[in-house]
C-alpha atoms as a PDB file:
ATOM      1  CA  UNK A   1     104.531  46.762 115.252  1.00  0.00           C
ATOM      2  CA  UNK A   2     104.565  48.647 112.077  1.00  0.00           C
ATOM      3  CA  UNK A   3     105.496  45.376 110.238  1.00  0.00           C
ATOM      4  CA  UNK A   4     102.326  43.750 111.274  1.00  0.00           C
ATOM      5  CA  UNK A   5     100.160  46.315 109.769  1.00  0.00           C
ATOM      6  CA  UNK A   6     101.606  45.892 106.300  1.00  0.00           C
ATOM      7  CA  UNK A   7     100.338  43.316 103.792  1.00  0.00           C
ATOM      8  CA  UNK A   8     102.407  40.042 103.706  1.00  0.00           C
ATOM      9  CA  UNK A   9     102.981  37.926 100.705  1.00  0.00           C
ATOM     10  CA  UNK A  10     104.696  34.495 100.799  1.00  0.00           C
ATOM     11  CA  UNK A  11     106.747  33.662  97.682  1.00  0.00           C
ATOM     12  CA  UNK A  12     109.120  30.927  96.527  1.00  0.00           C
ATOM     13  CA  UNK A  13     112.544  31.341  94.716  1.00  0.00           C
ATOM     14  CA  UNK A  14     112.367  30.016  91.195  1.00  0.00           C
ATOM     15  CA  UNK A  15     114.999  28.616  88.925  1.00  0.00           C
ATOM     16  CA  UNK A  16     112.902  28.424  85.832  1.00  0.00           C
ATOM     17  CA  UNK A  17     114.007  30.742  83.065  1.00  0.00           C
ATOM     18  CA  UNK A  18     112.787  31.371  79.663  1.00  0.00           C
ATOM     19  CA  UNK A  19     109.428  31.998  78.027  1.00  0.00           C
ATOM     20  CA  UNK A  20     108.229  28.381  77.984  1.00  0.00           C
ATOM     21  CA  UNK A  21     108.836  27.975  81.789  1.00  0.00           C
ATOM     22  CA  UNK A  22     107.040  31.228  82.544  1.00  0.00           C
ATOM     23  CA  UNK A  23     104.056  29.989  80.471  1.00  0.00           C
ATOM     24  CA  UNK A  24     104.048  26.771  82.632  1.00  0.00           C
ATOM     25  CA  UNK A  25     104.009  28.986  85.772  1.00  0.00           C
ATOM     26  CA  UNK A  26     101.087  30.985  84.516  1.00  0.00           C
ATOM     27  CA  UNK A  27      99.135  27.917  83.541  1.00  0.00           C
ATOM     28  CA  UNK A  28      99.768  26.605  87.080  1.00  0.00           C
ATOM     29  CA  UNK A  29      98.205  29.835  88.534  1.00  0.00           C
ATOM     30  CA  UNK A  30     101.470  31.437  89.408  1.00  0.00           C
ATOM     31  CA  UNK A  31     103.096  34.820  88.543  1.00  0.00           C
ATOM     32  CA  UNK A  32     106.838  35.226  88.041  1.00  0.00           C
ATOM     33  CA  UNK A  33     108.673  38.167  89.496  1.00  0.00           C
ATOM     34  CA  UNK A  34     112.045  39.633  90.504  1.00  0.00           C
ATOM     35  CA  UNK A  35     112.994  41.579  93.570  1.00  0.00           C
ATOM     36  CA  UNK A  36     115.754  44.142  93.013  1.00  0.00           C
ATOM     37  CA  UNK A  37     117.679  46.010  95.664  1.00  0.00           C
ATOM     38  CA  UNK A  38     119.569  44.884  98.759  1.00  0.00           C
ATOM     39  CA  UNK A  39     123.111  43.766  98.878  1.00  0.00           C
ATOM     40  CA  UNK A  40     122.920  40.653  96.663  1.00  0.00           C
ATOM     41  CA  UNK A  41     121.804  39.855  93.058  1.00  0.00           C
ATOM     42  CA  UNK A  42     118.193  40.216  92.110  1.00  0.00           C
ATOM     43  CA  UNK A  43     116.197  37.365  93.198  1.00  0.00           C
ATOM     44  CA  UNK A  44     113.705  35.569  90.948  1.00  0.00           C
ATOM     45  CA  UNK A  45     110.415  34.292  92.649  1.00  0.00           C
ATOM     46  CA  UNK A  46     107.092  32.931  91.956  1.00  0.00           C
ATOM     47  CA  UNK A  47     103.836  33.686  93.714  1.00  0.00           C
ATOM     48  CA  UNK A  48     100.201  32.648  93.711  1.00  0.00           C
ATOM     49  CA  UNK A  49      98.258  35.033  91.424  1.00  0.00           C
ATOM     50  CA  UNK A  50      95.215  35.219  93.799  1.00  0.00           C
ATOM     51  CA  UNK A  51      97.328  36.092  96.687  1.00  0.00           C
ATOM     52  CA  UNK A  52      99.297  38.533  94.599  1.00  0.00           C
ATOM     53  CA  UNK A  53      96.003  40.209  93.512  1.00  0.00           C
ATOM     54  CA  UNK A  54      94.737  40.470  97.202  1.00  0.00           C
ATOM     55  CA  UNK A  55      97.925  42.284  98.494  1.00  0.00           C
ATOM     56  CA  UNK A  56      98.080  44.655  95.401  1.00  0.00           C
ATOM     57  CA  UNK A  57      94.692  45.856  96.027  1.00  0.00           C
ATOM     58  CA  UNK A  58      95.130  46.238  99.810  1.00  0.00           C
ATOM     59  CA  UNK A  59      95.852  49.862  99.547  1.00  0.00           C
ATOM     60  CA  UNK A  60      99.378  49.786 100.869  1.00  0.00           C
ATOM     61  CA  UNK A  61     102.400  51.105  99.161  1.00  0.00           C
ATOM     62  CA  UNK A  62     104.924  48.878 101.122  1.00  0.00           C
ATOM     63  CA  UNK A  63     104.627  45.140 101.228  1.00  0.00           C
ATOM     64  CA  UNK A  64     106.425  42.534 103.348  1.00  0.00           C
ATOM     65  CA  UNK A  65     107.702  39.612 101.250  1.00  0.00           C
ATOM     66  CA  UNK A  66     108.242  36.506 103.163  1.00  0.00           C
ATOM     67  CA  UNK A  67     110.811  34.229 101.457  1.00  0.00           C
ATOM     68  CA  UNK A  68     112.723  31.449 103.232  1.00  0.00           C
ATOM     69  CA  UNK A  69     111.224  32.628 106.571  1.00  0.00           C
ATOM     70  CA  UNK A  70     112.483  36.077 106.110  1.00  0.00           C
ATOM     71  CA  UNK A  71     110.446  39.211 105.677  1.00  0.00           C
ATOM     72  CA  UNK A  72     111.614  41.819 103.135  1.00  0.00           C
ATOM     73  CA  UNK A  73     109.977  45.239 102.862  1.00  0.00           C
ATOM     74  CA  UNK A  74     109.383  46.075  99.205  1.00  0.00           C
ATOM     75  CA  UNK A  75     107.547  48.311  96.968  1.00  0.00           C
ATOM     76  CA  UNK A  76     106.291  47.568  93.428  1.00  0.00           C
ATOM     77  CA  UNK A  77     108.739  48.847  90.872  1.00  0.00           C
ATOM     78  CA  UNK A  78     106.857  47.700  87.716  1.00  0.00           C
ATOM     79  CA  UNK A  79     104.132  45.237  86.672  1.00  0.00           C
ATOM     80  CA  UNK A  80     103.295  43.733  83.231  1.00  0.00           C
ATOM     81  CA  UNK A  81      99.686  43.288  82.528  1.00  0.00           C
ATOM     82  CA  UNK A  82      97.751  41.025  80.246  1.00  0.00           C
ATOM     83  CA  UNK A  83      96.398  43.522  77.319  1.00  0.00           C
ATOM     84  CA  UNK A  84      92.891  41.929  77.598  1.00  0.00           C
ATOM     85  CA  UNK A  85      92.150  40.423  80.999  1.00  0.00           C
ATOM     86  CA  UNK A  86      94.263  42.887  83.035  1.00  0.00           C
ATOM     87  CA  UNK A  87      95.862  40.170  85.086  1.00  0.00           C
ATOM     88  CA  UNK A  88      99.455  40.616  86.246  1.00  0.00           C
ATOM     89  CA  UNK A  89     101.782  38.606  84.032  1.00  0.00           C
ATOM     90  CA  UNK A  90     105.070  39.646  85.703  1.00  0.00           C
ATOM     91  CA  UNK A  91     105.984  41.900  88.639  1.00  0.00           C
ATOM     92  CA  UNK A  92     109.132  43.643  89.672  1.00  0.00           C
ATOM     93  CA  UNK A  93     109.493  44.642  93.267  1.00  0.00           C
ATOM     94  CA  UNK A  94     112.225  46.874  94.974  1.00  0.00           C
ATOM     95  CA  UNK A  95     113.536  46.188  98.410  1.00  0.00           C
ATOM     96  CA  UNK A  96     113.684  49.315 100.564  1.00  0.00           C
ATOM     97  CA  UNK A  97     115.006  50.707 103.737  1.00  0.00           C
ATOM     98  CA  UNK A  98     112.125  51.679 105.773  1.00  0.00           C
ATOM     99  CA  UNK A  99     114.208  54.514 107.364  1.00  0.00           C
ATOM    100  CA  UNK A 100     115.497  56.123 104.143  1.00  0.00           C
ATOM    101  CA  UNK A 101     113.345  58.296 101.708  1.00  0.00           C
ATOM    102  CA  UNK A 102     112.875  57.130  98.085  1.00  0.00           C
ATOM    103  CA  UNK A 103     111.607  58.514  94.919  1.00  0.00           C
ATOM    104  CA  UNK A 104     108.405  57.092  93.662  1.00  0.00           C
ATOM    105  CA  UNK A 105     105.342  57.837  91.600  1.00  0.00           C
ATOM    106  CA  UNK A 106     101.777  58.098  92.839  1.00  0.00           C
ATOM    107  CA  UNK A 107      98.488  58.530  91.161  1.00  0.00           C
ATOM    108  CA  UNK A 108      96.267  61.482  91.106  1.00  0.00           C
ATOM    109  CA  UNK A 109      92.458  61.145  91.720  1.00  0.00           C
ATOM    110  CA  UNK A 110      90.150  64.046  91.043  1.00  0.00           C
ATOM    111  CA  UNK A 111      87.020  64.533  93.328  1.00  0.00           C
ATOM    112  CA  UNK A 112      84.123  66.955  93.160  1.00  0.00           C
ATOM    113  CA  UNK A 113      83.980  67.230  89.454  1.00  0.00           C
ATOM    114  CA  UNK A 114      80.216  67.229  89.397  1.00  0.00           C
ATOM    115  CA  UNK A 115      80.070  70.194  91.531  1.00  0.00           C
ATOM    116  CA  UNK A 116      82.447  72.276  89.637  1.00  0.00           C
ATOM    117  CA  UNK A 117      80.884  75.557  88.266  1.00  0.00           C
ATOM    118  CA  UNK A 118      82.472  75.049  84.886  1.00  0.00           C
ATOM    119  CA  UNK A 119      81.121  71.498  84.499  1.00  0.00           C
ATOM    120  CA  UNK A 120      77.631  72.696  85.628  1.00  0.00           C
ATOM    121  CA  UNK A 121      77.903  75.272  82.799  1.00  0.00           C
ATOM    122  CA  UNK A 122      78.543  72.476  80.297  1.00  0.00           C
ATOM    123  CA  UNK A 123      82.282  72.586  80.292  1.00  0.00           C
ATOM    124  CA  UNK A 124      84.447  69.688  79.656  1.00  0.00           C
ATOM    125  CA  UNK A 125      86.851  68.526  82.498  1.00  0.00           C
ATOM    126  CA  UNK A 126      90.122  67.072  81.457  1.00  0.00           C
ATOM    127  CA  UNK A 127      92.656  65.495  83.542  1.00  0.00           C
ATOM    128  CA  UNK A 128      96.033  66.324  82.212  1.00  0.00           C
ATOM    129  CA  UNK A 129      98.327  64.806  84.659  1.00  0.00           C
ATOM    130  CA  UNK A 130      97.633  61.317  86.177  1.00  0.00           C
ATOM    131  CA  UNK A 131     100.960  60.458  88.109  1.00  0.00           C
ATOM    132  CA  UNK A 132     103.345  62.572  90.272  1.00  0.00           C
ATOM    133  CA  UNK A 133     106.821  62.081  91.227  1.00  0.00           C
ATOM    134  CA  UNK A 134     107.295  62.257  94.847  1.00  0.00           C
ATOM    135  CA  UNK A 135     109.866  61.520  97.512  1.00  0.00           C
ATOM    136  CA  UNK A 136     108.899  60.049 100.936  1.00  0.00           C
ATOM    137  CA  UNK A 137     109.801  57.352 103.397  1.00  0.00           C
ATOM    138  CA  UNK A 138     108.497  54.003 102.029  1.00  0.00           C
ATOM    139  CA  UNK A 139     105.774  53.703 104.844  1.00  0.00           C
ATOM    140  CA  UNK A 140     104.659  57.336 103.935  1.00  0.00           C
ATOM    141  CA  UNK A 141     103.944  56.822 100.255  1.00  0.00           C
ATOM    142  CA  UNK A 142     100.275  57.212  99.799  1.00  0.00           C
ATOM    143  CA  UNK A 143      98.148  54.963  97.488  1.00  0.00           C
ATOM    144  CA  UNK A 144      97.133  58.145  95.572  1.00  0.00           C
ATOM    145  CA  UNK A 145      96.733  61.863  96.017  1.00  0.00           C
ATOM    146  CA  UNK A 146      93.243  63.234  95.965  1.00  0.00           C
ATOM    147  CA  UNK A 147      92.614  66.667  94.215  1.00  0.00           C
ATOM    148  CA  UNK A 148      89.418  68.627  94.688  1.00  0.00           C
ATOM    149  CA  UNK A 149      88.320  70.274  91.596  1.00  0.00           C
ATOM    150  CA  UNK A 150      84.938  71.430  92.826  1.00  0.00           C
ATOM    151  CA  UNK A 151      85.680  75.078  92.572  1.00  0.00           C
ATOM    152  CA  UNK A 152      86.971  75.031  89.051  1.00  0.00           C
ATOM    153  CA  UNK A 153      85.422  77.672  86.881  1.00  0.00           C
ATOM    154  CA  UNK A 154      84.903  77.574  82.893  1.00  0.00           C
ATOM    155  CA  UNK A 155      88.194  78.035  81.283  1.00  0.00           C
ATOM    156  CA  UNK A 156      90.003  77.322  84.561  1.00  0.00           C
ATOM    157  CA  UNK A 157      93.498  75.707  84.666  1.00  0.00           C
ATOM    158  CA  UNK A 158      94.680  73.860  87.719  1.00  0.00           C
ATOM    159  CA  UNK A 159      98.458  73.663  88.364  1.00  0.00           C
ATOM    160  CA  UNK A 160     100.399  71.516  90.761  1.00  0.00           C
ATOM    161  CA  UNK A 161     100.918  74.573  92.896  1.00  0.00           C
ATOM    162  CA  UNK A 162      97.147  74.520  94.038  1.00  0.00           C
ATOM    163  CA  UNK A 163      97.619  70.890  95.110  1.00  0.00           C
ATOM    164  CA  UNK A 164      98.111  70.155  98.819  1.00  0.00           C
ATOM    165  CA  UNK A 165     100.264  67.024  99.384  1.00  0.00           C
ATOM    166  CA  UNK A 166     100.538  65.116 102.691  1.00  0.00           C
ATOM    167  CA  UNK A 167     103.200  66.709 105.005  1.00  0.00           C
ATOM    168  CA  UNK A 168     105.422  63.651 104.876  1.00  0.00           C
ATOM    169  CA  UNK A 169     105.560  63.811 100.946  1.00  0.00           C
ATOM    170  CA  UNK A 170     107.707  66.017  98.873  1.00  0.00           C
ATOM    171  CA  UNK A 171     106.384  66.871  95.267  1.00  0.00           C
ATOM    172  CA  UNK A 172     109.241  66.718  92.806  1.00  0.00           C
ATOM    173  CA  UNK A 173     107.413  68.017  89.627  1.00  0.00           C
ATOM    174  CA  UNK A 174     107.322  71.703  88.667  1.00  0.00           C
ATOM    175  CA  UNK A 175     104.573  73.337  90.661  1.00  0.00           C
ATOM    176  CA  UNK A 176     103.782  76.028  88.020  1.00  0.00           C
ATOM    177  CA  UNK A 177     104.323  74.080  84.875  1.00  0.00           C
ATOM    178  CA  UNK A 178     102.569  70.823  85.779  1.00  0.00           C
ATOM    179  CA  UNK A 179      99.045  71.102  84.678  1.00  0.00           C
ATOM    180  CA  UNK A 180      96.558  68.901  86.630  1.00  0.00           C
ATOM    181  CA  UNK A 181      93.273  69.663  85.017  1.00  0.00           C
ATOM    182  CA  UNK A 182      91.434  72.076  82.821  1.00  0.00           C
ATOM    183  CA  UNK A 183      87.772  72.987  82.044  1.00  0.00           C
ATOM    184  CA  UNK A 184      87.080  74.017  78.553  1.00  0.00           C
ATOM    185  CA  UNK A 185      83.810  75.013  76.737  1.00  0.00           C
ATOM    186  CA  UNK A 186      82.227  72.171  74.701  1.00  0.00           C
ATOM    187  CA  UNK A 187      83.203  72.286  71.122  1.00  0.00           C
ATOM    188  CA  UNK A 188      80.344  73.281  68.724  1.00  0.00           C
ATOM    189  CA  UNK A 189      79.648  71.111  65.660  1.00  0.00           C
ATOM    190  CA  UNK A 190      78.664  73.154  62.729  1.00  0.00           C
ATOM    191  CA  UNK A 191      76.113  71.537  60.595  1.00  0.00           C
ATOM    192  CA  UNK A 192      76.583  72.180  56.796  1.00  0.00           C
ATOM    193  CA  UNK A 193      73.878  74.355  55.101  1.00  0.00           C
ATOM    194  CA  UNK A 194      71.454  72.563  52.899  1.00  0.00           C
ATOM    195  CA  UNK A 195      70.870  74.253  49.536  1.00  0.00           C
ATOM    196  CA  UNK A 196      67.543  73.562  48.020  1.00  0.00           C
ATOM    197  CA  UNK A 197      67.861  72.859  44.190  1.00  0.00           C
ATOM    198  CA  UNK A 198      65.028  73.350  41.732  1.00  0.00           C
ATOM    199  CA  UNK A 199      63.555  69.938  40.710  1.00  0.00           C
ATOM    200  CA  UNK A 200      64.644  68.553  37.372  1.00  0.00           C
ATOM    201  CA  UNK A 201      62.169  68.036  34.558  1.00  0.00           C
ATOM    202  CA  UNK A 202      62.377  64.383  33.296  1.00  0.00           C
ATOM    203  CA  UNK A 203      61.461  63.689  29.655  1.00  0.00           C
ATOM    204  CA  UNK A 204      59.722  60.544  28.404  1.00  0.00           C
ATOM    205  CA  UNK A 205      63.172  59.088  27.708  1.00  0.00           C
ATOM    206  CA  UNK A 206      64.145  59.436  31.324  1.00  0.00           C
ATOM    207  CA  UNK A 207      66.655  62.205  30.497  1.00  0.00           C
ATOM    208  CA  UNK A 208      66.447  65.596  32.336  1.00  0.00           C
ATOM    209  CA  UNK A 209      64.874  68.436  30.351  1.00  0.00           C
ATOM    210  CA  UNK A 210      66.833  71.561  30.335  1.00  0.00           C
ATOM    211  CA  UNK A 211      64.877  74.640  31.086  1.00  0.00           C
ATOM    212  CA  UNK A 212      66.404  76.789  28.585  1.00  0.00           C
ATOM    213  CA  UNK A 213      66.041  74.380  25.838  1.00  0.00           C
ATOM    214  CA  UNK A 214      62.344  74.049  26.476  1.00  0.00           C
ATOM    215  CA  UNK A 215      61.926  77.638  26.519  1.00  0.00           C
ATOM    216  CA  UNK A 216      63.454  77.880  23.174  1.00  0.00           C
ATOM    217  CA  UNK A 217      61.485  75.123  21.785  1.00  0.00           C
ATOM    218  CA  UNK A 218      58.264  77.023  23.077  1.00  0.00           C
ATOM    219  CA  UNK A 219      59.222  80.332  21.536  1.00  0.00           C
ATOM    220  CA  UNK A 220      60.221  78.582  18.251  1.00  0.00           C
ATOM    221  CA  UNK A 221      56.818  77.075  17.887  1.00  0.00           C
ATOM    222  CA  UNK A 222      54.909  80.272  18.604  1.00  0.00           C
ATOM    223  CA  UNK A 223      57.040  81.882  15.869  1.00  0.00           C
ATOM    224  CA  UNK A 224      56.175  79.147  13.393  1.00  0.00           C
ATOM    225  CA  UNK A 225      52.461  79.576  14.227  1.00  0.00           C
ATOM    226  CA  UNK A 226      52.783  83.261  13.716  1.00  0.00           C
ATOM    227  CA  UNK A 227      54.391  82.898  10.363  1.00  0.00           C
ATOM    228  CA  UNK A 228      51.609  80.647   9.240  1.00  0.00           C
ATOM    229  CA  UNK A 229      48.945  83.092  10.210  1.00  0.00           C
ATOM    230  CA  UNK A 230      50.714  85.761   8.375  1.00  0.00           C
ATOM    231  CA  UNK A 231      51.107  83.871   5.331  1.00  0.00           C
ATOM    232  CA  UNK A 232      47.472  83.204   5.364  1.00  0.00           C
ATOM    233  CA  UNK A 233      46.564  86.822   5.690  1.00  0.00           C
ATOM    234  CA  UNK A 234      48.708  87.794   2.844  1.00  0.00           C
ATOM    235  CA  UNK A 235      46.828  85.347   0.439  1.00  0.00           C
ATOM    236  CA  UNK A 236      43.451  86.635   1.340  1.00  0.00           C
ATOM    237  CA  UNK A 237      44.646  90.165   0.750  1.00  0.00           C
ATOM    238  CA  UNK A 238      45.842  89.483  -2.555  1.00  0.00           C
END
């Protein structure tokens, strides 16, 4: 019954190896992959990229891979994405025993950020940790763990100890040392002070006229005029 509720993906074994062969697969709309685990050696496979996309976005941590008519429960171990388009270029799957707990990682999603008092006051909410290490049965691994930050005040720091995980999930990270999110005041950008300078006087030749030099010339002119007048007075007296 449980098996029917999990997404199914039909794949074909592949013998092609090397970068040239994988490029041909991708041109044909196929994604190469490997299934690890189980009793035998890892199995190389190929799968339709559109079908893989649907299954990966179905919201289930465990998938049933059908190969040669046999269903194999697996989880995603790793995936290689195209750096621009975001398409899956290669995928690694891990066969699991549905009755045994395994360790895995799960994403953290924050909710209620707009209602947080610290954010309303202009604070900056920063998510520090984006994935958690957990242990659970394969069928109990959640797609993500949602964390409510709507009560966070300015300068608040939320640690993993404040996060409530599903009862079927064991958190493996340090509860006190793992910081989930913080709210900090906005950084202030100080504008440089503008100093008003006295406008320069420009002479006829386009060169700036020094104020002191102009004053000296003016004083010198007055002195010459005074000497001339003095000389005239002396001549009349004689």
